[in-house]
């Protein structure tokens, strides 16, 4: 299996994002975040999880079924919470609080 590096994943994510393919963009951003985390690049991972959360929110807004809506909302909250913890771990308190606020805001989305 060929492993794609983070830069290529980011490029693909941006292309999908610019084409409004939210689910595909989210999948790429999630892969980027996990790759950074696996390489112990925690600040980059936190930033990627934050973007992943934002893309998931766009996917929520584009959802056509209740199941998809809930699935993507929950993924967004989880991504923001991971980003919050990673930012906090890196001493980035303001960015951590921003992720926390986004997670709390996203939780309030009603089906």
Foldseek 3Di string as FASTA:
>chain_A
DDDDDLVVLQVQLVVCVVVVVLVSNLVSLVVNLVVCVVVVVLLSSLVSLQVSLVSLVSQLVVDDDPVSNVVSLVSSLVSLQSSLVSCVVVVNNVSNVVSVVSSVVSVPDDD
